[in-house]
Structures are given as structure tokens and as C-alpha cells.
C-alpha atoms as a PDB file:
ATOM      1  CA  MET A   1    -127.762  77.123  54.943  1.00  0.00           C
ATOM      2  CA  LEU A   2    -128.665  73.433  54.589  1.00  0.00           C
ATOM      3  CA  VAL A   3    -125.624  71.346  53.660  1.00  0.00           C
ATOM      4  CA  TYR A   4    -125.901  67.972  51.945  1.00  0.00           C
ATOM      5  CA  THR A   5    -123.261  65.274  52.168  1.00  0.00           C
ATOM      6  CA  ALA A   6    -122.287  63.336  49.032  1.00  0.00           C
ATOM      7  CA  GLU A   7    -124.261  60.338  50.294  1.00  0.00           C
ATOM      8  CA  MET A   8    -127.354  62.449  50.945  1.00  0.00           C
ATOM      9  CA  LEU A   9    -127.156  63.960  47.472  1.00  0.00           C
ATOM     10  CA  LYS A  10    -126.847  60.490  45.948  1.00  0.00           C
ATOM     11  CA  GLU A  11    -129.938  59.341  47.800  1.00  0.00           C
ATOM     12  CA  LEU A  12    -131.843  62.454  46.757  1.00  0.00           C
ATOM     13  CA  ALA A  13    -130.920  61.860  43.117  1.00  0.00           C
ATOM     14  CA  ILE A  14    -132.145  58.256  43.250  1.00  0.00           C
ATOM     15  CA  THR A  15    -135.376  59.251  44.980  1.00  0.00           C
ATOM     16  CA  ALA A  16    -136.021  62.114  42.593  1.00  0.00           C
ATOM     17  CA  GLY A  17    -135.403  59.903  39.566  1.00  0.00           C
ATOM     18  CA  ALA A  18    -137.886  57.290  40.767  1.00  0.00           C
ATOM     19  CA  ALA A  19    -140.502  59.924  41.601  1.00  0.00           C
ATOM     20  CA  CYS A  20    -140.195  61.607  38.223  1.00  0.00           C
ATOM     21  CA  ALA A  21    -140.438  58.281  36.437  1.00  0.00           C
ATOM     22  CA  LEU A  22    -143.796  57.793  38.160  1.00  0.00           C
ATOM     23  CA  GLY A  23    -144.946  61.288  37.307  1.00  0.00           C
ATOM     24  CA  LEU A  24    -144.784  62.265  40.969  1.00  0.00           C
ATOM     25  CA  LEU A  25    -143.193  65.213  42.764  1.00  0.00           C
ATOM     26  CA  CYS A  26    -139.429  65.423  42.108  1.00  0.00           C
ATOM     27  CA  ALA A  27    -137.879  65.619  45.576  1.00  0.00           C
ATOM     28  CA  GLY A  28    -134.405  66.237  44.240  1.00  0.00           C
ATOM     29  CA  SER A  29    -135.581  69.216  42.233  1.00  0.00           C
ATOM     30  CA  MET A  30    -137.349  70.617  45.279  1.00  0.00           C
ATOM     31  CA  ALA A  31    -134.262  70.203  47.428  1.00  0.00           C
ATOM     32  CA  ALA A  32    -132.114  71.943  44.829  1.00  0.00           C
ATOM     33  CA  ALA A  33    -134.628  74.779  44.552  1.00  0.00           C
ATOM     34  CA  ALA A  34    -134.672  75.168  48.336  1.00  0.00           C
ATOM     35  CA  GLN A  35    -130.877  75.388  48.398  1.00  0.00           C
ATOM     36  CA  ASP A  36    -130.988  78.115  45.749  1.00  0.00           C
ATOM     37  CA  VAL A  37    -133.527  80.097  47.784  1.00  0.00           C
ATOM     38  CA  ASN A  38    -131.379  79.744  50.896  1.00  0.00           C
ATOM     39  CA  ALA A  39    -128.308  80.910  49.007  1.00  0.00           C
ATOM     40  CA  LEU A  40    -130.150  83.930  47.602  1.00  0.00           C
ATOM     41  CA  ASP A  41    -131.380  84.791  51.102  1.00  0.00           C
ATOM     42  CA  ASP A  42    -127.812  84.531  52.413  1.00  0.00           C
ATOM     43  CA  LEU A  43    -126.619  87.003  49.778  1.00  0.00           C
ATOM     44  CA  VAL A  44    -129.310  89.539  50.663  1.00  0.00           C
ATOM     45  CA  ARG A  45    -128.639  89.180  54.401  1.00  0.00           C
ATOM     46  CA  ALA A  46    -124.899  89.584  53.896  1.00  0.00           C
ATOM     47  CA  TYR A  47    -125.145  92.685  51.691  1.00  0.00           C
ATOM     48  CA  PRO A  48    -128.294  94.577  52.762  1.00  0.00           C
ATOM     49  CA  ASP A  49    -126.889  97.935  51.646  1.00  0.00           C
ATOM     50  CA  HIS A  50    -126.886  96.738  48.053  1.00  0.00           C
ATOM     51  CA  LEU A  51    -129.286  93.817  47.572  1.00  0.00           C
ATOM     52  CA  VAL A  52    -133.011  93.329  48.080  1.00  0.00           C
ATOM     53  CA  PRO A  53    -135.181  90.199  47.797  1.00  0.00           C
ATOM     54  CA  ALA A  54    -136.214  89.496  44.217  1.00  0.00           C
ATOM     55  CA  GLU A  55    -139.659  88.258  43.240  1.00  0.00           C
ATOM     56  CA  LYS A  56    -138.310  86.990  39.933  1.00  0.00           C
ATOM     57  CA  PRO A  57    -136.802  83.501  40.272  1.00  0.00           C
ATOM     58  CA  ASN A  58    -133.100  82.882  39.613  1.00  0.00           C
ATOM     59  CA  THR A  59    -132.377  86.578  40.117  1.00  0.00           C
ATOM     60  CA  VAL A  60    -130.128  88.652  42.362  1.00  0.00           C
ATOM     61  CA  LEU A  61    -131.681  92.110  42.566  1.00  0.00           C
ATOM     62  CA  TRP A  62    -129.675  95.227  43.415  1.00  0.00           C
ATOM     63  CA  LYS A  63    -131.215  98.297  45.026  1.00  0.00           C
ATOM     64  CA  ASP A  64    -130.521 100.318  41.892  1.00  0.00           C
ATOM     65  CA  GLY A  65    -132.686  97.913  39.889  1.00  0.00           C
ATOM     66  CA  THR A  66    -129.832  95.931  38.336  1.00  0.00           C
ATOM     67  CA  GLU A  67    -130.607  92.245  37.934  1.00  0.00           C
ATOM     68  CA  MET A  68    -128.010  89.467  37.876  1.00  0.00           C
ATOM     69  CA  VAL A  69    -128.644  85.849  36.959  1.00  0.00           C
ATOM     70  CA  PHE A  70    -128.043  83.533  39.907  1.00  0.00           C
ATOM     71  CA  ASP A  71    -127.690  80.216  38.055  1.00  0.00           C
ATOM     72  CA  ASP A  72    -126.278  80.607  34.551  1.00  0.00           C
ATOM     73  CA  GLY A  73    -127.104  76.973  33.750  1.00  0.00           C
ATOM     74  CA  ILE A  74    -123.638  76.410  32.277  1.00  0.00           C
ATOM     75  CA  GLN A  75    -121.977  73.093  33.042  1.00  0.00           C
ATOM     76  CA  LYS A  76    -118.343  73.924  33.818  1.00  0.00           C
ATOM     77  CA  ALA A  77    -115.720  71.756  32.135  1.00  0.00           C
ATOM     78  CA  GLY A  78    -113.543  71.386  35.221  1.00  0.00           C
ATOM     79  CA  PHE A  79    -112.298  73.158  38.314  1.00  0.00           C
ATOM     80  CA  GLU A  80    -110.294  75.826  36.478  1.00  0.00           C
ATOM     81  CA  ASP A  81    -113.266  76.546  34.239  1.00  0.00           C
ATOM     82  CA  LEU A  82    -115.406  76.864  37.362  1.00  0.00           C
ATOM     83  CA  LEU A  83    -112.988  79.407  38.831  1.00  0.00           C
ATOM     84  CA  ASN A  84    -112.824  81.364  35.584  1.00  0.00           C
ATOM     85  CA  ARG A  85    -116.565  81.435  34.812  1.00  0.00           C
ATOM     86  CA  ALA A  86    -118.239  81.158  38.194  1.00  0.00           C
ATOM     87  CA  SER A  87    -121.902  82.060  38.431  1.00  0.00           C
ATOM     88  CA  LEU A  88    -123.359  83.391  41.653  1.00  0.00           C
ATOM     89  CA  LYS A  89    -124.790  79.945  42.286  1.00  0.00           C
ATOM     90  CA  ASP A  90    -121.307  78.485  41.871  1.00  0.00           C
ATOM     91  CA  GLN A  91    -119.994  81.090  44.313  1.00  0.00           C
ATOM     92  CA  MET A  92    -122.468  79.978  46.963  1.00  0.00           C
ATOM     93  CA  ALA A  93    -122.388  76.235  46.277  1.00  0.00           C
ATOM     94  CA  MET A  94    -119.361  75.251  48.369  1.00  0.00           C
ATOM     95  CA  PRO A  95    -120.127  75.675  52.092  1.00  0.00           C
ATOM     96  CA  TYR A  96    -117.405  77.287  54.169  1.00  0.00           C
ATOM     97  CA  PRO A  97    -116.664  75.168  57.285  1.00  0.00           C
ATOM     98  CA  ARG A  98    -117.003  77.100  60.532  1.00  0.00           C
ATOM     99  CA  SER A  99    -115.481  74.265  62.559  1.00  0.00           C
ATOM    100  CA  TRP A 100    -111.715  73.896  62.874  1.00  0.00           C
ATOM    101  CA  PRO A 101    -110.531  71.267  60.380  1.00  0.00           C
ATOM    102  CA  SER A 102    -109.214  67.987  61.741  1.00  0.00           C
ATOM    103  CA  ALA A 103    -107.590  66.964  58.450  1.00  0.00           C
ATOM    104  CA  ALA A 104    -106.586  68.357  55.077  1.00  0.00           C
ATOM    105  CA  PRO A 105    -109.428  69.602  52.850  1.00  0.00           C
ATOM    106  CA  LEU A 106    -110.643  67.353  50.059  1.00  0.00           C
ATOM    107  CA  VAL A 107    -109.257  67.928  46.565  1.00  0.00           C
ATOM    108  CA  ASN A 108    -110.440  71.295  45.179  1.00  0.00           C
ATOM    109  CA  ALA A 109    -112.421  72.068  48.335  1.00  0.00           C
ATOM    110  CA  ASP A 110    -111.823  75.823  48.215  1.00  0.00           C
ATOM    111  CA  PRO A 111    -114.879  77.538  49.731  1.00  0.00           C
ATOM    112  CA  GLY A 112    -114.614  81.203  48.830  1.00  0.00           C
ATOM    113  CA  ARG A 113    -112.138  80.912  45.959  1.00  0.00           C
ATOM    114  CA  VAL A 114    -115.038  80.486  43.536  1.00  0.00           C
ATOM    115  CA  ARG A 115    -116.093  84.094  42.925  1.00  0.00           C
ATOM    116  CA  ASN A 116    -118.305  85.853  40.427  1.00  0.00           C
ATOM    117  CA  ASP A 117    -116.142  88.742  39.252  1.00  0.00           C
ATOM    118  CA  ALA A 118    -119.012  90.906  37.981  1.00  0.00           C
ATOM    119  CA  PHE A 119    -120.712  90.739  41.384  1.00  0.00           C
ATOM    120  CA  PHE A 120    -117.701  92.053  43.275  1.00  0.00           C
ATOM    121  CA  ARG A 121    -116.859  94.663  40.650  1.00  0.00           C
ATOM    122  CA  LYS A 122    -120.355  96.114  40.994  1.00  0.00           C
ATOM    123  CA  MET A 123    -120.191  95.876  44.783  1.00  0.00           C
ATOM    124  CA  TYR A 124    -116.780  97.403  45.451  1.00  0.00           C
ATOM    125  CA  GLY A 125    -115.791  99.149  42.226  1.00  0.00           C
ATOM    126  CA  GLY A 126    -114.924  98.319  38.650  1.00  0.00           C
ATOM    127  CA  SER A 127    -111.535 100.021  38.602  1.00  0.00           C
ATOM    128  CA  ALA A 128    -108.677 100.796  40.952  1.00  0.00           C
ATOM    129  CA  ASP A 129    -109.845 104.406  41.235  1.00  0.00           C
ATOM    130  CA  GLU A 130    -113.426 103.409  42.074  1.00  0.00           C
ATOM    131  CA  VAL A 131    -112.243 101.038  44.791  1.00  0.00           C
ATOM    132  CA  ARG A 132    -109.709 103.518  46.117  1.00  0.00           C
ATOM    133  CA  ALA A 133    -112.488 106.102  46.588  1.00  0.00           C
ATOM    134  CA  ASN A 134    -114.110 103.776  49.146  1.00  0.00           C
ATOM    135  CA  LEU A 135    -110.990 102.972  51.157  1.00  0.00           C
ATOM    136  CA  VAL A 136    -110.680 104.158  54.745  1.00  0.00           C
ATOM    137  CA  SER A 137    -107.822 103.851  57.207  1.00  0.00           C
ATOM    138  CA  VAL A 138    -108.377 101.158  59.832  1.00  0.00           C
ATOM    139  CA  GLU A 139    -106.345 101.034  63.020  1.00  0.00           C
ATOM    140  CA  TRP A 140    -104.608  97.718  63.520  1.00  0.00           C
ATOM    141  CA  LEU A 141    -102.642  96.089  66.325  1.00  0.00           C
ATOM    142  CA  GLY A 142     -99.772  98.117  67.701  1.00  0.00           C
ATOM    143  CA  GLY A 143    -101.085 101.356  66.201  1.00  0.00           C
ATOM    144  CA  ALA A 144    -100.512 100.398  62.577  1.00  0.00           C
ATOM    145  CA  ARG A 145    -103.089 101.530  60.050  1.00  0.00           C
ATOM    146  CA  VAL A 146    -104.266  99.700  56.944  1.00  0.00           C
ATOM    147  CA  PRO A 147    -106.508 100.753  54.033  1.00  0.00           C
ATOM    148  CA  PHE A 148    -109.744  98.768  53.718  1.00  0.00           C
ATOM    149  CA  SER A 149    -113.032  99.222  51.896  1.00  0.00           C
ATOM    150  CA  LYS A 150    -115.871 100.837  53.827  1.00  0.00           C
ATOM    151  CA  VAL A 151    -118.388  99.145  51.484  1.00  0.00           C
ATOM    152  CA  ASN A 152    -120.683  96.669  53.254  1.00  0.00           C
ATOM    153  CA  GLY A 153    -119.179  97.666  56.597  1.00  0.00           C
ATOM    154  CA  ALA A 154    -116.007  95.724  55.734  1.00  0.00           C
ATOM    155  CA  ALA A 155    -113.690  98.259  57.380  1.00  0.00           C
ATOM    156  CA  GLU A 156    -115.877  98.350  60.487  1.00  0.00           C
ATOM    157  CA  ALA A 157    -115.784  94.557  60.643  1.00  0.00           C
ATOM    158  CA  LEU A 158    -111.989  94.585  60.448  1.00  0.00           C
ATOM    159  CA  GLY A 159    -111.946  97.100  63.284  1.00  0.00           C
ATOM    160  CA  ARG A 160    -114.088  94.779  65.396  1.00  0.00           C
ATOM    161  CA  VAL A 161    -111.649  91.951  64.683  1.00  0.00           C
ATOM    162  CA  ARG A 162    -108.817  94.092  66.025  1.00  0.00           C
ATOM    163  CA  GLU A 163    -110.801  95.010  69.132  1.00  0.00           C
ATOM    164  CA  GLU A 164    -111.543  91.363  69.927  1.00  0.00           C
ATOM    165  CA  LEU A 165    -107.978  90.242  69.217  1.00  0.00           C
ATOM    166  CA  GLU A 166    -106.729  92.781  71.733  1.00  0.00           C
ATOM    167  CA  THR A 167    -108.672  90.955  74.459  1.00  0.00           C
ATOM    168  CA  LEU A 168    -106.609  87.818  73.829  1.00  0.00           C
ATOM    169  CA  PRO A 169    -103.124  87.126  75.223  1.00  0.00           C
ATOM    170  CA  ALA A 170    -100.322  88.869  73.344  1.00  0.00           C
ATOM    171  CA  GLU A 171     -98.816  85.556  72.249  1.00  0.00           C
ATOM    172  CA  VAL A 172    -102.059  84.897  70.354  1.00  0.00           C
ATOM    173  CA  TYR A 173    -102.733  88.229  68.666  1.00  0.00           C
ATOM    174  CA  GLN A 174     -99.073  88.624  67.731  1.00  0.00           C
ATOM    175  CA  TYR A 175     -99.715  86.033  65.033  1.00  0.00           C
ATOM    176  CA  VAL A 176    -101.424  88.764  62.990  1.00  0.00           C
ATOM    177  CA  ALA A 177     -99.680  91.844  64.357  1.00  0.00           C
ATOM    178  CA  GLN A 178     -97.848  92.440  61.076  1.00  0.00           C
ATOM    179  CA  PRO A 179    -100.101  93.074  58.060  1.00  0.00           C
ATOM    180  CA  VAL A 180     -98.315  92.668  54.724  1.00  0.00           C
ATOM    181  CA  GLY A 181    -101.009  93.681  52.240  1.00  0.00           C
ATOM    182  CA  THR A 182    -104.568  94.914  51.827  1.00  0.00           C
ATOM    183  CA  PHE A 183    -105.652  96.904  48.754  1.00  0.00           C
ATOM    184  CA  ALA A 184    -103.861  96.130  45.488  1.00  0.00           C
ATOM    185  CA  TRP A 185    -105.674  96.170  42.151  1.00  0.00           C
ATOM    186  CA  ARG A 186    -104.227  93.033  40.590  1.00  0.00           C
ATOM    187  CA  PRO A 187    -105.091  89.627  39.183  1.00  0.00           C
ATOM    188  CA  ILE A 188    -104.441  86.465  41.151  1.00  0.00           C
ATOM    189  CA  ALA A 189    -100.981  85.206  40.197  1.00  0.00           C
ATOM    190  CA  GLY A 190    -101.089  83.162  36.999  1.00  0.00           C
ATOM    191  CA  THR A 191    -104.725  84.016  36.201  1.00  0.00           C
ATOM    192  CA  ALA A 192    -106.876  86.771  34.726  1.00  0.00           C
ATOM    193  CA  ARG A 193    -109.190  86.737  37.767  1.00  0.00           C
ATOM    194  CA  LEU A 194    -109.091  89.710  40.106  1.00  0.00           C
ATOM    195  CA  SER A 195    -107.916  89.081  43.648  1.00  0.00           C
ATOM    196  CA  MET A 196    -110.174  90.175  46.512  1.00  0.00           C
ATOM    197  CA  HIS A 197    -107.306  92.508  47.383  1.00  0.00           C
ATOM    198  CA  SER A 198    -108.363  94.441  44.290  1.00  0.00           C
ATOM    199  CA  PHE A 199    -111.565  95.379  46.083  1.00  0.00           C
ATOM    200  CA  GLY A 200    -109.937  96.370  49.369  1.00  0.00           C
ATOM    201  CA  ALA A 201    -111.735  93.474  51.068  1.00  0.00           C
ATOM    202  CA  ALA A 202    -108.817  91.167  51.890  1.00  0.00           C
ATOM    203  CA  ILE A 203    -105.804  91.340  54.169  1.00  0.00           C
ATOM    204  CA  ASP A 204    -102.635  89.255  54.462  1.00  0.00           C
ATOM    205  CA  PHE A 205    -100.397  88.817  57.505  1.00  0.00           C
ATOM    206  CA  GLN A 206     -96.831  87.739  58.179  1.00  0.00           C
ATOM    207  CA  LEU A 207     -97.705  84.675  60.234  1.00  0.00           C
ATOM    208  CA  PRO A 208     -95.027  82.808  62.190  1.00  0.00           C
ATOM    209  CA  ARG A 209     -92.608  81.260  59.696  1.00  0.00           C
ATOM    210  CA  ALA A 210     -93.827  77.651  60.018  1.00  0.00           C
ATOM    211  CA  LEU A 211     -97.436  78.749  59.365  1.00  0.00           C
ATOM    212  CA  TYR A 212     -96.801  81.148  56.478  1.00  0.00           C
ATOM    213  CA  ARG A 213     -97.696  78.855  53.584  1.00  0.00           C
ATOM    214  CA  TYR A 214     -99.043  79.170  50.045  1.00  0.00           C
ATOM    215  CA  TRP A 215     -99.907  76.164  47.913  1.00  0.00           C
ATOM    216  CA  LYS A 216     -97.813  77.139  44.904  1.00  0.00           C
ATOM    217  CA  TRP A 217     -94.705  77.495  47.059  1.00  0.00           C
ATOM    218  CA  ASP A 218     -94.997  73.855  48.108  1.00  0.00           C
ATOM    219  CA  MET A 219     -95.184  72.325  44.617  1.00  0.00           C
ATOM    220  CA  ARG A 220     -92.017  70.833  43.192  1.00  0.00           C
ATOM    221  CA  SER A 221     -93.490  70.786  39.667  1.00  0.00           C
ATOM    222  CA  PRO A 222     -96.621  72.235  38.028  1.00  0.00           C
ATOM    223  CA  ASN A 223     -98.162  68.764  37.907  1.00  0.00           C
ATOM    224  CA  ASP A 224     -97.860  68.145  41.636  1.00  0.00           C
ATOM    225  CA  ALA A 225    -100.816  68.399  43.970  1.00  0.00           C
ATOM    226  CA  PRO A 226    -100.301  70.805  46.866  1.00  0.00           C
ATOM    227  CA  VAL A 227     -99.344  69.089  50.105  1.00  0.00           C
ATOM    228  CA  TYR A 228    -101.560  70.577  52.788  1.00  0.00           C
ATOM    229  CA  PRO A 229     -99.575  71.559  55.930  1.00  0.00           C
ATOM    230  CA  GLU A 230    -101.588  69.475  58.393  1.00  0.00           C
ATOM    231  CA  ARG A 231     -99.224  70.244  61.296  1.00  0.00           C
ATOM    232  CA  MET A 232    -100.660  73.757  61.176  1.00  0.00           C
ATOM    233  CA  LEU A 233    -104.000  72.395  62.396  1.00  0.00           C
ATOM    234  CA  GLU A 234    -102.453  71.558  65.768  1.00  0.00           C
ATOM    235  CA  ASP A 235    -101.692  75.224  66.494  1.00  0.00           C
ATOM    236  CA  ALA A 236    -104.187  76.373  69.153  1.00  0.00           C
ATOM    237  CA  ARG A 237    -103.222  80.040  68.862  1.00  0.00           C
ATOM    238  CA  LEU A 238    -103.845  80.135  65.130  1.00  0.00           C
ATOM    239  CA  ARG A 239    -107.185  78.475  65.743  1.00  0.00           C
ATOM    240  CA  GLN A 240    -108.175  81.286  68.130  1.00  0.00           C
ATOM    241  CA  VAL A 241    -107.131  83.961  65.648  1.00  0.00           C
ATOM    242  CA  VAL A 242    -109.092  82.398  62.791  1.00  0.00           C
ATOM    243  CA  ALA A 243    -112.200  82.057  64.979  1.00  0.00           C
ATOM    244  CA  VAL A 244    -112.128  85.789  65.733  1.00  0.00           C
ATOM    245  CA  PHE A 245    -111.983  86.708  62.049  1.00  0.00           C
ATOM    246  CA  GLU A 246    -114.814  84.323  61.206  1.00  0.00           C
ATOM    247  CA  ARG A 247    -117.062  85.812  63.874  1.00  0.00           C
ATOM    248  CA  HIS A 248    -116.852  89.107  62.018  1.00  0.00           C
ATOM    249  CA  GLY A 249    -117.469  87.869  58.469  1.00  0.00           C
ATOM    250  CA  PHE A 250    -113.963  86.936  57.279  1.00  0.00           C
ATOM    251  CA  ILE A 251    -113.010  83.600  55.765  1.00  0.00           C
ATOM    252  CA  TRP A 252    -109.497  82.156  56.035  1.00  0.00           C
ATOM    253  CA  GLY A 253    -107.454  80.823  53.123  1.00  0.00           C
ATOM    254  CA  GLY A 254    -105.999  78.109  55.329  1.00  0.00           C
ATOM    255  CA  LYS A 255    -109.241  76.131  54.963  1.00  0.00           C
ATOM    256  CA  TRP A 256    -108.690  75.721  51.226  1.00  0.00           C
ATOM    257  CA  PHE A 257    -107.182  72.738  49.425  1.00  0.00           C
ATOM    258  CA  HIS A 258    -105.241  75.401  47.510  1.00  0.00           C
ATOM    259  CA  TYR A 259    -104.224  76.986  50.794  1.00  0.00           C
ATOM    260  CA  ASP A 260    -103.181  80.585  51.389  1.00  0.00           C
ATOM    261  CA  THR A 261    -102.633  80.688  55.123  1.00  0.00           C
ATOM    262  CA  MET A 262    -101.804  84.385  55.447  1.00  0.00           C
ATOM    263  CA  HIS A 263    -105.001  85.427  53.678  1.00  0.00           C
ATOM    264  CA  PHE A 264    -108.301  86.626  55.193  1.00  0.00           C
ATOM    265  CA  GLU A 265    -111.129  88.104  53.117  1.00  0.00           C
ATOM    266  CA  TYR A 266    -114.458  89.651  53.984  1.00  0.00           C
ATOM    267  CA  ARG A 267    -117.127  87.243  52.723  1.00  0.00           C
ATOM    268  CA  PRO A 268    -120.140  87.461  55.035  1.00  0.00           C
ATOM    269  CA  GLU A 269    -122.381  85.621  52.555  1.00  0.00           C
ATOM    270  CA  LEU A 270    -120.460  82.426  53.355  1.00  0.00           C
ATOM    271  CA  LEU A 271    -120.762  82.854  57.130  1.00  0.00           C
ATOM    272  CA  GLY A 272    -124.464  83.535  57.491  1.00  0.00           C
END
């Protein structure tokens, strides 16, 4: 997917404004349209069992004929409003960085936390019972077994993660040898939004103590900004573990401004 920097977007906006004023082709509009097409293509490639290319613009088309609006055209009032009312375009708008971060993420840079609830409910199940019907037992490190959704090949992908981790030195894969949660139909703490754990498509691990961090735990008051644990970025073993998960379609919560370092979720549309 093509990624624009803030400076590039500013230049595009200026260029597009001048072109439109002259009655010429609006380059900014074309660039935005191209990004939307790329994002729609990424969704179809990531979920081929469920989605097909749509001829109708601004549409995500499911194999059963269901249509979903990609861009709802609603200007969100702020970051919390964005999280609570995310469109599919919003979900795809924040690129997930494949490279290992060299510094803390920018404020509210949370690629993957912006999710369209209706999309995942239709994909994985709209109730605990519907999701539970698609769970399978996946072997994990040391012979443990964890429940994970078979939808979209998520369980198979988790199995491939385990197989690759086992090729690494024990001191590396031991970082994620102890899973502490997969399926749980529940909202994200303090919100009405469903966690990806609700869909059986996320897994948490008991990382080494110094690396086991969650943004809310590190706030002294509700008005504080989370203090990103930058020392974590120097850990070469963690870096290897995260790279393995990403190769198989999982994003890591440690790359979020609102970090959740024990959290991995299956989001292949962001890793296309």
C-alpha cells in the first residue's frame, strides 16, 4: 500500500487546490481515490474466503452478496470518536509499520486499534456462541494448546508462528512460551468496543516482567499521556519474536502509542 508522509500530503493538498481552482484535474482527489482502491484490494487479498472485488465504488462486497460501505464520509470528532465509530476506510487508513521502531510512536499512532466492529462480527461471529463454534485447538510451545478461530486460516497461521519460533534459540521463543489468553467474548476495558479476543483472533503472552506493559498501567492519573517504554525497543529477542508473528499476519500491540506489549492479533489486511 502506498504510504504518504505528512509533508507529502500537504504538498498534494496544495497542488490539488491549485489544479481545481483552474478547472484542471484534481491530483489530490486522484491520490486519495488510489489509496482507497489499494485499501479495498488489501482487504480482499487478506480475506479471500469471504470477500470478492466489488464493481460498485466505495463498497466492500462479501461472497454472500452483503455490501458494506467503505468510506462512511463522517468526520470524526476526535480520536475516541474514531475508535468508537470507525469505518472500514478508517480501519485501513493508519499503516502498520513492518520495520522495528527506533523511537516511541507518535501520539495516537495505533495502527490496528481502529476497527470496524460490524466487519469483524460478520467475519468471525456476532455472538460468543457463533465465535466459539469456529474455535479449534492449536498446539503451542511446550505442548500447550490454545483455542483460536479457524476463520480466515487464523488458527493455521498461529500454528505456523509456533513452528517458526521453534527454529529459534530457546532463549528467544521462551518470551512467548506462556500464553495467558485467547478467546474471551468481552469489551475492551473501559469501552463498549469488542476486543479482538472476542473473535478468537488475538492472543496474549506473559512476556518477561520488564517487557510486560500496558498503557493504562503506566498512567498516574487519567489525564496523563502514556509513557512509552522505549527501553523495550533495545531487546533483540523480542524483536525476533515480533518479526515471526508479523510474517504470518499478526500485528503487535507494542507498536501502538497506547501500547499493549503482550498482545498479538491476526490482521492480515494490515500486512499485505
